[in-house]
Amino acid sequence: MMNELTKAIHEITLAMNQAVTSGDEEEVEKLLNKRNVLMGKVDAIKAEEPDFQYSPEAKKNLENTLKLDQKIADTIKKNLAETQNQIHQIKFNKQMSQKYRPYYKQTNGAFIDSKK
C-alpha cells in the first residue's frame, strides 16, 4: 500500500514539474491538491503503526520526489522573482508617465520638462 502511495506521489510530482515548465498554474494547483491528499494518507498510515519503517522502494520514491520537488520550488521562485521585477517595472513606468501629466492640456508651443 505504501509503495503504491509513494509511487503515485512521485508521478504527480513529475506531472507538476511539466505543468510548472509549461506555465499551467491551474494544473499545478490541482496536482498539488491531489498530492496533498495522498500525503495525508501516508501520514495516516504512519500514525497507525508506532514502529513504521518505509520499504526501500518507498524510500527511493520519496527521495526522488524530494529532489524533483526542490527543483520545482526553485523554478517557481525564479518565476516569482521575474514576475515581481515586471510588476516593479510597470509601476515605475506608470510613475514616470504620471510626472508628465496633464500633457493632454498642451495645445500649442513647446513642452518643457522641469527638474524636480
N, C-alpha and C. Protein backbone atom coordinates (compact mmCIF):
# COMPACT_ATOMS: atom_id res chain seq x y z
N MET A 1 0.82 -1.20 0.00
CA MET A 1 0.00 0.00 0.00
C MET A 1 0.87 1.27 0.00
N MET A 2 1.87 1.28 0.87
CA MET A 2 2.72 2.46 0.99
C MET A 2 3.53 2.68 -0.29
N ASN A 3 4.00 1.59 -0.90
CA ASN A 3 4.77 1.72 -2.15
C ASN A 3 3.91 2.35 -3.24
N GLU A 4 2.65 1.96 -3.32
CA GLU A 4 1.75 2.50 -4.34
C GLU A 4 1.50 3.99 -4.09
N LEU A 5 1.33 4.34 -2.82
CA LEU A 5 1.10 5.75 -2.50
C LEU A 5 2.31 6.61 -2.83
N THR A 6 3.50 6.13 -2.45
CA THR A 6 4.70 6.92 -2.72
C THR A 6 4.97 7.01 -4.23
N LYS A 7 4.66 5.94 -4.95
CA LYS A 7 4.82 5.98 -6.40
C LYS A 7 3.84 6.97 -7.02
N ALA A 8 2.61 6.98 -6.54
CA ALA A 8 1.61 7.93 -7.05
C ALA A 8 2.03 9.37 -6.74
N ILE A 9 2.56 9.60 -5.55
CA ILE A 9 3.05 10.94 -5.18
C ILE A 9 4.16 11.37 -6.13
N HIS A 10 5.07 10.44 -6.44
CA HIS A 10 6.17 10.75 -7.36
C HIS A 10 5.64 11.07 -8.75
N GLU A 11 4.68 10.30 -9.23
CA GLU A 11 4.12 10.54 -10.57
C GLU A 11 3.41 11.89 -10.64
N ILE A 12 2.71 12.24 -9.58
CA ILE A 12 2.04 13.54 -9.53
C ILE A 12 3.08 14.66 -9.53
N THR A 13 4.18 14.45 -8.82
CA THR A 13 5.24 15.45 -8.78
C THR A 13 5.87 15.61 -10.16
N LEU A 14 6.02 14.52 -10.90
CA LEU A 14 6.52 14.61 -12.27
C LEU A 14 5.57 15.45 -13.14
N ALA A 15 4.28 15.20 -12.99
CA ALA A 15 3.29 15.97 -13.74
C ALA A 15 3.33 17.44 -13.33
N MET A 16 3.55 17.71 -12.05
CA MET A 16 3.67 19.09 -11.57
C MET A 16 4.86 19.78 -12.23
N ASN A 17 5.96 19.06 -12.36
CA ASN A 17 7.15 19.63 -12.99
C ASN A 17 6.84 20.04 -14.43
N GLN A 18 6.14 19.19 -15.15
CA GLN A 18 5.77 19.52 -16.52
C GLN A 18 4.83 20.72 -16.57
N ALA A 19 3.88 20.77 -15.64
CA ALA A 19 2.94 21.89 -15.60
C ALA A 19 3.64 23.20 -15.26
N VAL A 20 4.60 23.16 -14.35
CA VAL A 20 5.35 24.37 -13.99
C VAL A 20 6.18 24.82 -15.18
N THR A 21 6.80 23.88 -15.87
CA THR A 21 7.62 24.21 -17.03
C THR A 21 6.78 24.83 -18.14
N SER A 22 5.57 24.33 -18.32
CA SER A 22 4.70 24.87 -19.38
C SER A 22 3.95 26.12 -18.93
N GLY A 23 3.97 26.43 -17.64
CA GLY A 23 3.32 27.64 -17.14
C GLY A 23 1.84 27.47 -16.87
N ASP A 24 1.38 26.25 -16.68
CA ASP A 24 -0.04 25.98 -16.43
C ASP A 24 -0.30 25.99 -14.92
N GLU A 25 -0.58 27.18 -14.37
CA GLU A 25 -0.73 27.33 -12.92
C GLU A 25 -1.94 26.59 -12.37
N GLU A 26 -3.02 26.54 -13.13
CA GLU A 26 -4.22 25.85 -12.66
C GLU A 26 -3.95 24.36 -12.50
N GLU A 27 -3.23 23.78 -13.45
CA GLU A 27 -2.90 22.36 -13.37
C GLU A 27 -1.97 22.10 -12.19
N VAL A 28 -1.04 22.99 -11.95
CA VAL A 28 -0.13 22.84 -10.80
C VAL A 28 -0.93 22.81 -9.51
N GLU A 29 -1.91 23.71 -9.41
CA GLU A 29 -2.73 23.77 -8.20
C GLU A 29 -3.54 22.48 -8.01
N LYS A 30 -4.12 21.97 -9.08
CA LYS A 30 -4.89 20.72 -9.00
C LYS A 30 -4.00 19.56 -8.56
N LEU A 31 -2.83 19.47 -9.19
CA LEU A 31 -1.91 18.38 -8.86
C LEU A 31 -1.39 18.51 -7.43
N LEU A 32 -1.17 19.73 -7.00
CA LEU A 32 -0.71 19.95 -5.64
C LEU A 32 -1.75 19.49 -4.63
N ASN A 33 -3.02 19.77 -4.91
CA ASN A 33 -4.09 19.31 -4.02
C ASN A 33 -4.18 17.79 -4.00
N LYS A 34 -4.05 17.15 -5.17
CA LYS A 34 -4.08 15.68 -5.23
C LYS A 34 -2.93 15.10 -4.41
N ARG A 35 -1.75 15.71 -4.59
CA ARG A 35 -0.58 15.20 -3.87
C ARG A 35 -0.73 15.37 -2.37
N ASN A 36 -1.32 16.47 -1.94
CA ASN A 36 -1.54 16.68 -0.51
C ASN A 36 -2.48 15.65 0.07
N VAL A 37 -3.50 15.25 -0.69
CA VAL A 37 -4.43 14.21 -0.23
C VAL A 37 -3.67 12.89 -0.03
N LEU A 38 -2.84 12.54 -1.01
CA LEU A 38 -2.06 11.30 -0.89
C LEU A 38 -1.06 11.37 0.26
N MET A 39 -0.47 12.52 0.46
CA MET A 39 0.47 12.66 1.57
C MET A 39 -0.25 12.53 2.91
N GLY A 40 -1.49 13.00 2.97
CA GLY A 40 -2.29 12.81 4.17
C GLY A 40 -2.55 11.34 4.45
N LYS A 41 -2.79 10.58 3.39
CA LYS A 41 -2.99 9.14 3.56
C LYS A 41 -1.72 8.46 4.07
N VAL A 42 -0.57 8.88 3.55
CA VAL A 42 0.70 8.33 4.01
C VAL A 42 0.90 8.65 5.49
N ASP A 43 0.61 9.88 5.88
CA ASP A 43 0.73 10.27 7.29
C ASP A 43 -0.20 9.46 8.17
N ALA A 44 -1.41 9.18 7.68
CA ALA A 44 -2.37 8.39 8.46
C ALA A 44 -1.86 6.97 8.66
N ILE A 45 -1.28 6.39 7.61
CA ILE A 45 -0.74 5.03 7.73
C ILE A 45 0.43 5.02 8.71
N LYS A 46 1.29 6.03 8.62
CA LYS A 46 2.42 6.10 9.55
C LYS A 46 1.96 6.27 10.99
N ALA A 47 0.87 7.01 11.20
CA ALA A 47 0.38 7.25 12.55
C ALA A 47 -0.23 5.99 13.16
N GLU A 48 -0.78 5.10 12.32
CA GLU A 48 -1.39 3.88 12.83
C GLU A 48 -0.36 2.88 13.36
N GLU A 49 0.83 2.88 12.78
CA GLU A 49 1.87 1.94 13.20
C GLU A 49 2.94 2.68 14.01
N PRO A 50 3.13 2.31 15.25
CA PRO A 50 4.11 3.03 16.07
C PRO A 50 5.56 2.87 15.59
N ASP A 51 5.92 1.72 15.09
CA ASP A 51 7.30 1.48 14.63
C ASP A 51 7.36 1.38 13.11
N PHE A 52 6.77 2.34 12.45
CA PHE A 52 6.67 2.30 11.00
C PHE A 52 8.03 2.49 10.34
N GLN A 53 8.30 1.69 9.33
CA GLN A 53 9.52 1.81 8.53
C GLN A 53 9.14 1.79 7.05
N TYR A 54 9.71 2.71 6.29
CA TYR A 54 9.49 2.71 4.84
C TYR A 54 10.25 1.55 4.21
N SER A 55 9.69 0.98 3.18
CA SER A 55 10.40 -0.04 2.42
C SER A 55 11.47 0.65 1.58
N PRO A 56 12.47 -0.10 1.10
CA PRO A 56 13.50 0.52 0.26
C PRO A 56 12.90 1.18 -1.00
N GLU A 57 11.90 0.57 -1.59
CA GLU A 57 11.27 1.15 -2.78
C GLU A 57 10.57 2.46 -2.44
N ALA A 58 9.87 2.49 -1.31
CA ALA A 58 9.18 3.70 -0.89
C ALA A 58 10.19 4.81 -0.58
N LYS A 59 11.30 4.46 0.08
CA LYS A 59 12.34 5.45 0.37
C LYS A 59 12.90 6.04 -0.91
N LYS A 60 13.14 5.18 -1.90
CA LYS A 60 13.68 5.65 -3.17
C LYS A 60 12.69 6.60 -3.85
N ASN A 61 11.41 6.23 -3.85
CA ASN A 61 10.38 7.09 -4.44
C ASN A 61 10.35 8.45 -3.75
N LEU A 62 10.42 8.44 -2.43
CA LEU A 62 10.35 9.68 -1.67
C LEU A 62 11.60 10.55 -1.90
N GLU A 63 12.76 9.93 -1.99
CA GLU A 63 13.98 10.68 -2.25
C GLU A 63 13.93 11.35 -3.62
N ASN A 64 13.50 10.59 -4.63
CA ASN A 64 13.38 11.14 -5.98
C ASN A 64 12.33 12.26 -6.02
N THR A 65 11.26 12.06 -5.29
CA THR A 65 10.21 13.08 -5.23
C THR A 65 10.72 14.35 -4.57
N LEU A 66 11.48 14.20 -3.50
CA LEU A 66 12.03 15.36 -2.80
C LEU A 66 12.97 16.16 -3.70
N LYS A 67 13.84 15.47 -4.44
CA LYS A 67 14.75 16.16 -5.36
C LYS A 67 13.97 16.92 -6.42
N LEU A 68 12.97 16.27 -6.98
CA LEU A 68 12.16 16.91 -8.02
C LEU A 68 11.37 18.08 -7.45
N ASP A 69 10.86 17.92 -6.23
CA ASP A 69 10.10 18.99 -5.60
C ASP A 69 10.98 20.21 -5.35
N GLN A 70 12.22 20.00 -4.97
CA GLN A 70 13.14 21.11 -4.77
C GLN A 70 13.42 21.83 -6.09
N LYS A 71 13.52 21.06 -7.17
CA LYS A 71 13.71 21.66 -8.50
C LYS A 71 12.50 22.51 -8.87
N ILE A 72 11.31 21.99 -8.59
CA ILE A 72 10.08 22.73 -8.88
C ILE A 72 10.04 24.01 -8.05
N ALA A 73 10.39 23.92 -6.78
CA ALA A 73 10.38 25.10 -5.91
C ALA A 73 11.35 26.16 -6.41
N ASP A 74 12.52 25.75 -6.88
CA ASP A 74 13.49 26.70 -7.42
C ASP A 74 12.94 27.39 -8.66
N THR A 75 12.29 26.61 -9.53
CA THR A 75 11.70 27.18 -10.75
C THR A 75 10.61 28.18 -10.40
N ILE A 76 9.78 27.83 -9.43
CA ILE A 76 8.69 28.73 -9.02
C ILE A 76 9.26 30.01 -8.41
N LYS A 77 10.30 29.90 -7.60
CA LYS A 77 10.93 31.09 -7.02
C LYS A 77 11.50 31.98 -8.12
N LYS A 78 12.13 31.37 -9.12
CA LYS A 78 12.68 32.14 -10.24
C LYS A 78 11.56 32.86 -10.99
N ASN A 79 10.48 32.15 -11.26
CA ASN A 79 9.34 32.76 -11.96
C ASN A 79 8.73 33.89 -11.14
N LEU A 80 8.65 33.71 -9.83
CA LEU A 80 8.11 34.73 -8.95
C LEU A 80 8.99 35.98 -8.97
N ALA A 81 10.30 35.78 -8.94
CA ALA A 81 11.22 36.92 -8.97
C ALA A 81 11.08 37.68 -10.29
N GLU A 82 10.95 36.96 -11.40
CA GLU A 82 10.77 37.61 -12.70
C GLU A 82 9.46 38.40 -12.73
N THR A 83 8.42 37.82 -12.18
CA THR A 83 7.12 38.50 -12.15
C THR A 83 7.19 39.75 -11.29
N GLN A 84 7.85 39.66 -10.15
CA GLN A 84 7.98 40.83 -9.29
C GLN A 84 8.78 41.94 -9.98
N ASN A 85 9.81 41.56 -10.73
CA ASN A 85 10.58 42.56 -11.49
C ASN A 85 9.71 43.23 -12.55
N GLN A 86 8.88 42.44 -13.22
CA GLN A 86 8.00 43.01 -14.24
C GLN A 86 6.97 43.95 -13.61
N ILE A 87 6.43 43.57 -12.46
CA ILE A 87 5.48 44.45 -11.76
C ILE A 87 6.16 45.75 -11.35
N HIS A 88 7.37 45.64 -10.83
CA HIS A 88 8.13 46.83 -10.44
C HIS A 88 8.36 47.74 -11.65
N GLN A 89 8.72 47.15 -12.78
CA GLN A 89 8.97 47.94 -13.99
C GLN A 89 7.69 48.63 -14.46
N ILE A 90 6.56 47.94 -14.38
CA ILE A 90 5.27 48.53 -14.78
C ILE A 90 4.94 49.71 -13.86
N LYS A 91 5.13 49.53 -12.56
CA LYS A 91 4.86 50.62 -11.62
C LYS A 91 5.77 51.81 -11.88
N PHE A 92 7.03 51.53 -12.16
CA PHE A 92 7.99 52.60 -12.44
C PHE A 92 7.57 53.36 -13.70
N ASN A 93 7.21 52.63 -14.75
CA ASN A 93 6.77 53.27 -15.99
C ASN A 93 5.52 54.11 -15.77
N LYS A 94 4.63 53.62 -14.94
CA LYS A 94 3.41 54.36 -14.65
C LYS A 94 3.74 55.66 -13.90
N GLN A 95 4.64 55.57 -12.93
CA GLN A 95 5.04 56.76 -12.19
C GLN A 95 5.71 57.78 -13.11
N MET A 96 6.52 57.31 -14.02
CA MET A 96 7.20 58.22 -14.94
C MET A 96 6.19 58.91 -15.86
N SER A 97 5.19 58.18 -16.32
CA SER A 97 4.21 58.81 -17.19
C SER A 97 3.31 59.77 -16.40
N GLN A 98 3.13 59.53 -15.12
CA GLN A 98 2.33 60.43 -14.28
C GLN A 98 3.02 61.78 -14.09
N LYS A 99 4.32 61.79 -14.15
CA LYS A 99 5.06 63.04 -13.97
C LYS A 99 4.82 64.01 -15.12
N TYR A 100 4.47 63.51 -16.28
CA TYR A 100 4.25 64.35 -17.44
C TYR A 100 2.77 64.70 -17.64
N ARG A 101 1.96 64.40 -16.69
CA ARG A 101 0.54 64.74 -16.80
C ARG A 101 0.33 66.13 -16.27
N PRO A 102 -0.56 66.90 -16.65
CA PRO A 102 -1.55 66.71 -17.71
C PRO A 102 -1.02 67.19 -19.05
N TYR A 103 -0.39 66.33 -19.78
CA TYR A 103 0.16 66.72 -21.07
C TYR A 103 -0.91 66.89 -22.13
N TYR A 104 -2.09 66.35 -21.91
CA TYR A 104 -3.16 66.48 -22.89
C TYR A 104 -3.68 67.92 -22.96
N LYS A 105 -3.39 68.76 -21.97
CA LYS A 105 -3.83 70.15 -21.99
C LYS A 105 -2.90 71.02 -22.84
N GLN A 106 -1.78 70.48 -23.21
CA GLN A 106 -0.83 71.22 -24.04
C GLN A 106 -1.40 71.30 -25.46
N THR A 107 -1.75 72.49 -25.91
CA THR A 107 -2.37 72.63 -27.22
C THR A 107 -1.41 73.18 -28.26
N ASN A 108 -0.50 74.04 -27.88
CA ASN A 108 0.47 74.56 -28.82
C ASN A 108 1.74 74.97 -28.07
N GLY A 109 2.77 75.18 -28.80
CA GLY A 109 4.02 75.59 -28.17
C GLY A 109 4.89 74.38 -27.87
N ALA A 110 5.88 74.60 -27.08
CA ALA A 110 6.86 73.56 -26.76
C ALA A 110 6.56 73.00 -25.38
N PHE A 111 6.88 71.76 -25.22
CA PHE A 111 6.75 71.11 -23.91
C PHE A 111 8.10 71.21 -23.23
N ILE A 112 8.14 71.81 -22.06
CA ILE A 112 9.39 72.00 -21.35
C ILE A 112 9.37 71.14 -20.10
N ASP A 113 10.36 70.31 -19.97
CA ASP A 113 10.48 69.42 -18.83
C ASP A 113 11.19 70.17 -17.71
N SER A 114 10.57 70.19 -16.54
CA SER A 114 11.20 70.86 -15.42
C SER A 114 11.77 69.82 -14.48
N LYS A 115 12.91 70.12 -13.90
CA LYS A 115 13.55 69.19 -12.97
C LYS A 115 12.90 69.35 -11.62
N LYS A 116 12.66 68.23 -10.98
CA LYS A 116 12.07 68.26 -9.64
C LYS A 116 12.93 67.53 -8.69
